[in-house]
Each structure stands twice: as C-alpha cells, then as structure tokens.
Amino acid sequence: MKQVTKTIDEILNNDSDCPLPLEVIPNNMGINLCSVESLTWVRQNDGQLAALAINFKPDPKENAEVSRSR
C-alpha cells in the first residue's frame, strides 16, 4: 500500500493524481477549501483506493485561547 499526502496548492499546481476532484469538497460537502490543509489517500498495490482523509487547518482562534489559558 502507498500513502500520499498533498496540500491543496500541490494538487492545484501539479495536476496531481488526487482521487477526489477538489470541486467536490465545496460543492457537495459544503466545506470551504480555505479550511483544508491537505488530502491524504492510501492506494493498494493493485490501484484501488483504500482510504481518503481531508486534513483541516487548525482554528487560529482556538490555538490562541489555549495559549492564553496556560
């Protein structure tokens, strides 16, 4: 199996072999691409897609609140 992680910029700029067309994320899932850091997918040796994950950017407000509470 092969795991691949690509940022949104890499997918847009490098014509990547991303198994999910990026327009599906905002158009069908209602997720703004500005909130997505990267996609990770796993392909089996025979080419079948075994897993797909959308990795989100952390919320800057939440990080600031954690820092202030320490």
N, C-alpha and C. Protein backbone atom coordinates (compact mmCIF):
# COMPACT_ATOMS: atom_id res chain seq x y z
N MET A 1 0.84 -1.18 0.00
CA MET A 1 0.00 0.00 0.00
C MET A 1 0.88 1.24 0.00
N LYS A 2 0.35 2.30 -0.62
CA LYS A 2 1.10 3.55 -0.70
C LYS A 2 0.22 4.70 -0.18
N GLN A 3 0.74 5.42 0.82
CA GLN A 3 0.03 6.58 1.36
C GLN A 3 0.62 7.85 0.77
N VAL A 4 -0.25 8.75 0.34
CA VAL A 4 0.17 10.02 -0.27
C VAL A 4 -0.56 11.15 0.45
N THR A 5 0.16 12.21 0.79
CA THR A 5 -0.43 13.43 1.33
C THR A 5 -0.02 14.58 0.46
N LYS A 6 -1.00 15.35 0.00
CA LYS A 6 -0.74 16.52 -0.85
C LYS A 6 -1.54 17.69 -0.32
N THR A 7 -0.90 18.86 -0.29
CA THR A 7 -1.61 20.07 0.10
C THR A 7 -2.53 20.48 -1.05
N ILE A 8 -3.46 21.35 -0.76
CA ILE A 8 -4.37 21.85 -1.79
C ILE A 8 -3.58 22.55 -2.89
N ASP A 9 -2.57 23.34 -2.51
CA ASP A 9 -1.74 24.02 -3.51
C ASP A 9 -1.02 23.03 -4.41
N GLU A 10 -0.49 21.96 -3.83
CA GLU A 10 0.20 20.96 -4.64
C GLU A 10 -0.77 20.29 -5.63
N ILE A 11 -1.96 20.02 -5.18
CA ILE A 11 -2.95 19.39 -6.05
C ILE A 11 -3.33 20.33 -7.18
N LEU A 12 -3.54 21.61 -6.85
CA LEU A 12 -3.92 22.60 -7.87
C LEU A 12 -2.80 22.87 -8.86
N ASN A 13 -1.57 22.97 -8.39
CA ASN A 13 -0.45 23.37 -9.24
C ASN A 13 0.24 22.24 -9.99
N ASN A 14 0.13 21.02 -9.48
CA ASN A 14 0.91 19.93 -10.07
C ASN A 14 0.06 18.91 -10.81
N ASP A 15 -1.21 19.20 -11.03
CA ASP A 15 -2.09 18.26 -11.73
C ASP A 15 -1.92 16.85 -11.13
N SER A 16 -2.04 16.78 -9.82
CA SER A 16 -1.81 15.56 -9.06
C SER A 16 -2.82 14.47 -9.43
N ASP A 17 -2.49 13.26 -9.05
CA ASP A 17 -3.38 12.14 -9.28
C ASP A 17 -4.38 11.98 -8.14
N CYS A 18 -4.83 13.09 -7.59
CA CYS A 18 -5.76 13.09 -6.48
C CYS A 18 -7.03 12.33 -6.87
N PRO A 19 -7.46 11.38 -6.04
CA PRO A 19 -8.62 10.57 -6.38
C PRO A 19 -9.96 11.29 -6.22
N LEU A 20 -9.95 12.46 -5.60
CA LEU A 20 -11.18 13.21 -5.38
C LEU A 20 -11.06 14.56 -6.07
N PRO A 21 -11.93 14.84 -7.04
CA PRO A 21 -11.88 16.18 -7.65
C PRO A 21 -12.13 17.25 -6.58
N LEU A 22 -11.28 18.27 -6.55
CA LEU A 22 -11.37 19.27 -5.48
C LEU A 22 -12.71 19.98 -5.43
N GLU A 23 -13.38 20.12 -6.56
CA GLU A 23 -14.67 20.83 -6.54
C GLU A 23 -15.73 20.07 -5.75
N VAL A 24 -15.52 18.80 -5.49
CA VAL A 24 -16.47 18.02 -4.68
C VAL A 24 -16.51 18.54 -3.25
N ILE A 25 -15.37 19.00 -2.74
CA ILE A 25 -15.30 19.43 -1.34
C ILE A 25 -16.22 20.62 -1.07
N PRO A 26 -16.13 21.73 -1.82
CA PRO A 26 -17.05 22.83 -1.54
C PRO A 26 -18.46 22.60 -2.11
N ASN A 27 -18.56 22.00 -3.28
CA ASN A 27 -19.86 21.88 -3.95
C ASN A 27 -20.76 20.81 -3.35
N ASN A 28 -20.21 19.69 -2.92
CA ASN A 28 -21.02 18.60 -2.41
C ASN A 28 -20.95 18.44 -0.90
N MET A 29 -19.85 18.88 -0.30
CA MET A 29 -19.69 18.73 1.15
C MET A 29 -19.91 20.03 1.90
N GLY A 30 -19.89 21.16 1.19
CA GLY A 30 -20.09 22.45 1.82
C GLY A 30 -18.90 22.91 2.64
N ILE A 31 -17.72 22.42 2.33
CA ILE A 31 -16.50 22.78 3.07
C ILE A 31 -15.70 23.76 2.24
N ASN A 32 -15.36 24.91 2.81
CA ASN A 32 -14.55 25.90 2.12
C ASN A 32 -13.12 25.37 1.99
N LEU A 33 -12.55 25.44 0.78
CA LEU A 33 -11.19 24.94 0.57
C LEU A 33 -10.16 25.70 1.39
N CYS A 34 -10.48 26.92 1.82
CA CYS A 34 -9.56 27.68 2.68
C CYS A 34 -9.36 26.99 4.03
N SER A 35 -10.28 26.12 4.41
CA SER A 35 -10.19 25.41 5.68
C SER A 35 -9.45 24.09 5.57
N VAL A 36 -9.12 23.69 4.34
CA VAL A 36 -8.49 22.39 4.12
C VAL A 36 -6.99 22.56 3.96
N GLU A 37 -6.22 21.82 4.75
CA GLU A 37 -4.77 21.87 4.67
C GLU A 37 -4.25 20.92 3.59
N SER A 38 -4.76 19.69 3.60
CA SER A 38 -4.27 18.70 2.65
C SER A 38 -5.26 17.53 2.55
N LEU A 39 -4.99 16.66 1.59
CA LEU A 39 -5.72 15.41 1.46
C LEU A 39 -4.71 14.28 1.59
N THR A 40 -5.12 13.22 2.24
CA THR A 40 -4.28 12.03 2.36
C THR A 40 -5.09 10.85 1.83
N TRP A 41 -4.44 10.05 0.99
CA TRP A 41 -5.12 8.86 0.49
C TRP A 41 -4.16 7.69 0.47
N VAL A 42 -4.74 6.50 0.54
CA VAL A 42 -3.98 5.26 0.52
C VAL A 42 -4.50 4.42 -0.63
N ARG A 43 -3.58 3.98 -1.48
CA ARG A 43 -3.93 3.09 -2.58
C ARG A 43 -3.28 1.73 -2.34
N GLN A 44 -4.05 0.69 -2.64
CA GLN A 44 -3.49 -0.66 -2.56
C GLN A 44 -2.56 -0.86 -3.74
N ASN A 45 -1.79 -1.91 -3.70
CA ASN A 45 -0.84 -2.20 -4.77
C ASN A 45 -1.52 -2.38 -6.12
N ASP A 46 -2.77 -2.82 -6.12
CA ASP A 46 -3.50 -3.00 -7.38
C ASP A 46 -4.19 -1.72 -7.86
N GLY A 47 -3.98 -0.60 -7.15
CA GLY A 47 -4.52 0.69 -7.56
C GLY A 47 -5.83 1.09 -6.92
N GLN A 48 -6.46 0.18 -6.18
CA GLN A 48 -7.73 0.51 -5.53
C GLN A 48 -7.52 1.50 -4.39
N LEU A 49 -8.45 2.41 -4.25
CA LEU A 49 -8.40 3.39 -3.17
C LEU A 49 -8.87 2.72 -1.88
N ALA A 50 -8.03 2.74 -0.86
CA ALA A 50 -8.36 2.08 0.41
C ALA A 50 -8.82 3.08 1.46
N ALA A 51 -8.32 4.32 1.41
CA ALA A 51 -8.69 5.33 2.40
C ALA A 51 -8.49 6.72 1.81
N LEU A 52 -9.31 7.66 2.27
CA LEU A 52 -9.20 9.06 1.87
C LEU A 52 -9.53 9.92 3.08
N ALA A 53 -8.67 10.89 3.38
CA ALA A 53 -8.89 11.77 4.53
C ALA A 53 -8.71 13.22 4.11
N ILE A 54 -9.58 14.08 4.62
CA ILE A 54 -9.44 15.52 4.44
C ILE A 54 -8.84 16.06 5.72
N ASN A 55 -7.68 16.68 5.62
CA ASN A 55 -6.97 17.23 6.79
C ASN A 55 -7.24 18.73 6.86
N PHE A 56 -7.80 19.16 7.96
CA PHE A 56 -8.19 20.56 8.13
C PHE A 56 -7.10 21.39 8.79
N LYS A 57 -7.09 22.68 8.47
CA LYS A 57 -6.19 23.63 9.14
C LYS A 57 -6.73 23.87 10.54
N PRO A 58 -5.86 24.01 11.51
CA PRO A 58 -6.33 24.31 12.86
C PRO A 58 -6.96 25.70 12.93
N ASP A 59 -7.92 25.86 13.81
CA ASP A 59 -8.59 27.14 14.00
C ASP A 59 -7.66 28.06 14.78
N PRO A 60 -7.23 29.19 14.18
CA PRO A 60 -6.28 30.08 14.88
C PRO A 60 -6.85 30.64 16.18
N LYS A 61 -8.15 30.87 16.25
CA LYS A 61 -8.75 31.38 17.48
C LYS A 61 -8.62 30.36 18.60
N GLU A 62 -8.83 29.10 18.28
CA GLU A 62 -8.74 28.06 19.30
C GLU A 62 -7.31 27.93 19.82
N ASN A 63 -6.31 28.02 18.94
CA ASN A 63 -4.92 27.96 19.36
C ASN A 63 -4.58 29.13 20.27
N ALA A 64 -5.08 30.31 19.99
CA ALA A 64 -4.81 31.49 20.80
C ALA A 64 -5.42 31.33 22.19
N GLU A 65 -6.63 30.75 22.26
CA GLU A 65 -7.29 30.55 23.55
C GLU A 65 -6.52 29.55 24.40
N VAL A 66 -5.98 28.52 23.81
CA VAL A 66 -5.21 27.53 24.55
C VAL A 66 -3.94 28.17 25.10
N SER A 67 -3.28 29.01 24.30
CA SER A 67 -2.05 29.68 24.74
C SER A 67 -2.32 30.61 25.91
N ARG A 68 -3.44 31.33 25.85
CA ARG A 68 -3.76 32.29 26.92
C ARG A 68 -4.12 31.59 28.22
N SER A 69 -4.68 30.38 28.13
CA SER A 69 -5.12 29.69 29.35
C SER A 69 -3.97 29.01 30.09
N ARG A 70 -2.80 29.01 29.50
CA ARG A 70 -1.65 28.34 30.18
C ARG A 70 -0.93 29.26 31.08
